[in-house]
Protein backbone atom coordinates (compact mmCIF):
# COMPACT_ATOMS: atom_id res chain seq x y z
CA UNK A 1 0.42 -0.07 -0.09
CA UNK A 2 1.25 3.64 -0.41
CA UNK A 3 1.43 5.54 2.50
CA UNK A 4 2.40 9.03 0.96
CA UNK A 5 3.78 10.98 -1.44
CA UNK A 6 7.00 13.43 -1.24
CA UNK A 7 6.73 16.56 -3.72
CA UNK A 8 10.82 18.73 -3.50
CA UNK A 9 12.44 16.58 -1.07
CA UNK A 10 15.25 18.21 -2.73
CA UNK A 11 14.08 21.69 -1.92
CA UNK A 12 16.50 23.85 0.41
CA UNK A 13 13.97 25.17 2.16
CA UNK A 14 13.42 25.37 6.24
CA UNK A 15 9.36 24.81 5.70
CA UNK A 16 8.01 21.47 5.56
CA UNK A 17 4.40 21.09 4.21
CA UNK A 18 2.16 18.70 5.05
CA UNK A 19 -1.16 17.76 4.37
CA UNK A 20 -2.90 14.72 6.48
CA UNK A 21 -6.11 14.42 4.73
CA UNK A 22 -4.27 15.14 0.87
CA UNK A 23 -6.87 12.40 -1.08
CA UNK A 24 -9.96 10.74 -0.29
CA UNK A 25 -8.32 6.86 -1.78
CA UNK A 26 -9.44 3.80 -0.49
CA UNK A 27 -6.38 1.53 -0.68
CA UNK A 28 -7.35 -2.11 -2.48
CA UNK A 29 -6.24 -3.82 0.60
CA UNK A 30 -8.66 -2.27 2.58
CA UNK A 31 -12.44 -3.31 1.83
CA UNK A 32 -11.10 -3.92 -2.40
CA UNK A 33 -10.98 -0.37 -2.15
CA UNK A 34 -14.91 0.34 -0.86
CA UNK A 35 -15.54 1.39 2.58
CA UNK A 36 -19.28 0.99 1.99
CA UNK A 37 -20.26 4.82 1.37
CA UNK A 38 -20.71 6.26 -1.95
CA UNK A 39 -19.08 8.79 -4.28
CA UNK A 40 -21.23 11.76 -3.08
CA UNK A 41 -19.97 10.92 0.63
CA UNK A 42 -16.68 10.18 -0.38
CA UNK A 43 -16.26 13.71 -2.30
CA UNK A 44 -17.30 15.12 0.87
CA UNK A 45 -15.05 16.65 3.49
CA UNK A 46 -15.47 13.63 5.94
CA UNK A 47 -13.23 11.30 3.65
CA UNK A 48 -10.51 14.12 2.97
CA UNK A 49 -9.33 18.01 2.92
CA UNK A 50 -11.52 18.94 -0.53
CA UNK A 51 -7.92 21.37 -2.16
CA UNK A 52 -5.91 20.58 0.65
CA UNK A 53 -2.94 18.88 -1.36
CA UNK A 54 -3.01 21.38 -3.88
CA UNK A 55 -2.64 24.17 -1.70
CA UNK A 56 0.11 22.45 0.17
CA UNK A 57 2.03 21.41 -3.21
CA UNK A 58 1.32 25.28 -4.16
CA UNK A 59 3.27 26.46 -0.85
CA UNK A 60 5.96 24.46 -1.66
CA UNK A 61 7.28 25.58 -4.80
CA UNK A 62 6.40 29.41 -3.88
CA UNK A 63 8.46 28.80 -0.23
CA UNK A 64 10.71 26.21 -2.14
CA UNK A 65 10.57 23.44 0.83
CA UNK A 66 9.82 19.70 0.55
CA UNK A 67 5.69 18.54 0.49
CA UNK A 68 4.35 15.67 1.99
CA UNK A 69 1.04 14.43 1.95
CA UNK A 70 -1.23 11.17 2.35
CA UNK A 71 -1.99 8.95 0.39
CA UNK A 72 -5.20 7.35 2.17
CA UNK A 73 -8.62 8.33 3.49
CA UNK A 74 -8.54 10.17 6.76
CA UNK A 75 -11.86 7.25 7.05
CA UNK A 76 -9.15 4.16 6.37
CA UNK A 77 -7.31 5.51 9.35
CA UNK A 78 -6.94 9.25 10.71
CA UNK A 79 -3.25 10.06 10.16
CA UNK A 80 -4.12 13.61 12.25
CA UNK A 81 -5.33 11.40 15.56
CA UNK A 82 -2.97 9.69 18.37
CA UNK A 83 -2.93 5.64 17.53
CA UNK A 84 -5.11 5.93 21.11
CA UNK A 85 -7.45 8.11 20.41
CA UNK A 86 -11.18 6.80 19.43
CA UNK A 87 -11.56 8.52 16.39
CA UNK A 88 -8.76 7.12 14.43
CA UNK A 89 -11.03 4.57 12.45
CA UNK A 90 -14.20 6.99 12.18
CA UNK A 91 -17.42 4.92 12.03
CA UNK A 92 -19.72 7.76 11.21
CA UNK A 93 -18.81 11.33 10.68
CA UNK A 94 -21.30 14.27 9.97
CA UNK A 95 -24.01 12.51 9.75
CA UNK A 96 -22.77 9.48 7.35
CA UNK A 97 -22.63 5.43 8.72
CA UNK A 98 -19.07 4.27 7.66
CA UNK A 99 -20.24 0.39 7.04
CA UNK A 100 -16.29 -0.61 6.09
CA UNK A 101 -15.51 0.42 9.35
CA UNK A 102 -18.50 -0.57 11.30
CA UNK A 103 -16.97 -4.65 11.98
CA UNK A 104 -13.01 -3.06 12.37
CA UNK A 105 -11.16 -4.84 15.38
CA UNK A 106 -7.93 -4.41 16.62
CA UNK A 107 -5.99 -7.02 14.54
CA UNK A 108 -7.30 -4.37 11.51
CA UNK A 109 -6.80 -1.47 13.32
CA UNK A 110 -2.32 -2.54 13.80
CA UNK A 111 -2.50 -3.51 10.37
CA UNK A 112 -3.64 -0.15 8.86
CA UNK A 113 -1.17 1.42 11.35
CA UNK A 114 1.46 -0.47 10.42
CA UNK A 115 1.31 -0.58 6.59
CA UNK A 116 -0.75 3.27 6.31
CA UNK A 117 -0.80 5.72 9.69
CA UNK A 118 3.12 4.87 10.58
CA UNK A 119 4.60 5.24 7.19
CA UNK A 120 3.19 7.96 7.00
CA UNK A 121 4.81 9.14 10.04
CA UNK A 122 7.76 8.03 9.31
CA UNK A 123 8.33 9.98 6.50
CA UNK A 124 7.30 12.77 8.03
CA UNK A 125 9.94 12.82 11.07
CA UNK A 126 12.49 12.03 8.41
CA UNK A 127 11.97 14.56 6.58
CA UNK A 128 11.16 17.39 9.29
CA UNK A 129 14.51 16.35 10.30
CA UNK A 130 16.57 17.53 7.43
CA UNK A 131 17.16 20.87 9.01
CA UNK A 132 17.96 21.59 12.73
CA UNK A 133 15.27 24.75 12.35
CA UNK A 134 12.65 23.35 10.28
CA UNK A 135 9.13 24.96 10.73
CA UNK A 136 6.28 22.96 10.04
CA UNK A 137 3.63 24.63 8.48
CA UNK A 138 -0.06 21.89 8.49
CA UNK A 139 -2.60 22.64 5.60
CA UNK A 140 -6.36 21.57 6.20
CA UNK A 141 -9.74 22.51 4.98
CA UNK A 142 -12.75 22.54 6.63
CA UNK A 143 -16.46 22.47 5.41
CA UNK A 144 -18.93 25.85 5.42
CA UNK A 145 -21.39 23.86 7.27
CA UNK A 146 -21.61 20.54 9.33
CA UNK A 147 -25.15 18.78 8.92
CA UNK A 148 -27.43 20.78 11.05
CA UNK A 149 -25.40 23.64 12.66
CA UNK A 150 -25.41 26.86 11.21
CA UNK A 151 -22.73 28.46 8.69
CA UNK A 152 -19.23 29.03 9.66
CA UNK A 153 -18.07 32.98 9.53
CA UNK A 154 -14.49 31.93 8.68
CA UNK A 155 -12.41 31.77 5.33
CA UNK A 156 -9.52 30.88 7.04
CA UNK A 157 -8.54 29.67 10.31
CA UNK A 158 -5.47 29.55 12.45
CA UNK A 159 -4.59 26.28 14.69
CA UNK A 160 -2.39 26.24 17.57
CA UNK A 161 -1.82 24.57 20.80
CA UNK A 162 -1.02 27.20 23.51
CA UNK A 163 2.23 25.93 24.51
CA UNK A 164 3.58 26.79 21.53
CA UNK A 165 1.95 30.11 19.50
CA UNK A 166 4.98 31.78 18.45
CA UNK A 167 4.16 31.78 15.15
CA UNK A 168 0.71 31.21 14.90
CA UNK A 169 -0.21 34.77 16.25
CA UNK A 170 1.64 37.02 14.50
CA UNK A 171 -0.12 34.74 11.85
CA UNK A 172 -3.79 35.40 12.89
CA UNK A 173 -2.53 39.67 12.73
CA UNK A 174 -1.24 39.69 9.55
CA UNK A 175 -4.16 37.68 8.37
CA UNK A 176 -6.42 39.88 9.34
CA UNK A 177 -4.86 42.74 8.12
CA UNK A 178 -5.73 41.32 4.51
CA UNK A 179 -9.44 43.49 3.43
CA UNK A 180 -12.23 40.69 3.25
CA UNK A 181 -11.06 38.46 4.84
CA UNK A 182 -12.46 36.64 8.47
CA UNK A 183 -9.68 34.42 9.98
CA UNK A 184 -10.59 32.13 12.88
CA UNK A 185 -7.95 31.83 16.00
CA UNK A 186 -8.20 28.33 17.17
CA UNK A 187 -10.85 27.80 14.72
CA UNK A 188 -13.25 25.69 13.39
CA UNK A 189 -11.95 23.30 16.29
CA UNK A 190 -9.31 24.00 19.16
CA UNK A 191 -5.65 23.57 17.22
CA UNK A 192 -4.23 20.45 19.81
CA UNK A 193 -5.28 16.65 19.90
CA UNK A 194 -2.25 14.70 21.92
CA UNK A 195 -0.76 12.26 19.91
CA UNK A 196 -1.70 14.43 17.08
CA UNK A 197 0.62 15.06 13.74
CA UNK A 198 1.76 18.74 14.96
CA UNK A 199 2.15 17.35 18.89
CA UNK A 200 4.14 14.61 17.41
CA UNK A 201 6.55 16.57 14.58
CA UNK A 202 6.62 19.65 16.22
CA UNK A 203 5.42 20.26 20.00
CA UNK A 204 7.36 17.09 21.45
CA UNK A 205 10.91 18.26 19.33
CA UNK A 206 10.38 22.56 19.93
CA UNK A 207 10.08 22.97 16.21
CA UNK A 208 8.18 26.00 15.24
CA UNK A 209 4.58 25.13 14.07
CA UNK A 210 1.43 26.35 12.53
CA UNK A 211 -1.86 24.13 10.61
CA UNK A 212 -3.66 26.25 8.47
CA UNK A 213 -7.31 25.63 7.46
CA UNK A 214 -8.57 26.97 4.74
CA UNK A 215 -12.58 26.48 3.84
CA UNK A 216 -12.90 24.30 1.28
CA UNK A 217 -14.91 25.84 -1.18
CA UNK A 218 -12.67 28.59 -1.58
CA UNK A 219 -10.49 26.28 -2.91
CA UNK A 220 -12.59 23.17 -4.51
CA UNK A 221 -10.48 24.09 -8.05
CA UNK A 222 -7.29 25.17 -9.61
CA UNK A 223 -6.96 28.65 -9.64
CA UNK A 224 -8.61 28.79 -5.92
CA UNK A 225 -5.27 27.03 -4.99
CA UNK A 226 -3.34 29.05 -6.40
CA UNK A 227 -4.35 32.08 -4.66
CA UNK A 228 -4.44 30.51 -1.47
CA UNK A 229 -1.11 29.05 -1.94
CA UNK A 230 0.64 32.59 -2.99
CA UNK A 231 -0.98 34.31 -0.27
CA UNK A 232 -0.19 32.03 2.49
CA UNK A 233 3.17 31.63 1.48
CA UNK A 234 3.43 35.57 1.16
CA UNK A 235 2.30 35.80 4.55
CA UNK A 236 4.48 32.88 5.95
CA UNK A 237 7.62 34.37 4.71
CA UNK A 238 6.47 37.86 6.26
CA UNK A 239 5.98 35.83 9.61
CA UNK A 240 9.42 33.98 9.95
CA UNK A 241 11.53 37.01 8.70
CA UNK A 242 9.58 38.72 11.73
CA UNK A 243 10.34 36.84 14.48
């Protein structure tokens, strides 16, 4: 099974751009490539972060830094959760039952950890260690409205752990200076879970970091992805230079 894709591994920039939920691909070795939900649900935010990979790749080029993306759906196993997190393999997400995960046992979870989750994190750790001053920027996207909830007002959110907000707080300030932009501060949800990707690869080793969530209807096509990559690259460079 392919667990990850790396672009620009030899780029010299100190950034490492990550995309934990880059694809909605279900490997053939998992349920014969089918989790029991239809194409419409697999195209939703429950299966991947729509548009995030395009933004991540654009950022990598503009920041002259490597990009690592997962190559399996978050519904198979979520690389942005700790191994003991109860949401590691989701059985119900935003109103959709995941039949292919309903009867998943500890043996199958361990198999997915061994073949997908852990290889992704091993590759991420290797890239993060390539320079002593690596800065990790994780790219995600969020849906404007969960089922039965009010629409979210933000176009972009910056997520962080309160233990290390040195990059995220000035990033929020610079984004809020962009006319017409509604920026979430640890919104649309809190930016820290024990054992998540930022915790594992940045907080535990003291690396500067931030997690950026872009609303997925704004990056659903190549033009939107390029626009947001350009904006974020400009702001991130300015923030890092000012630290």
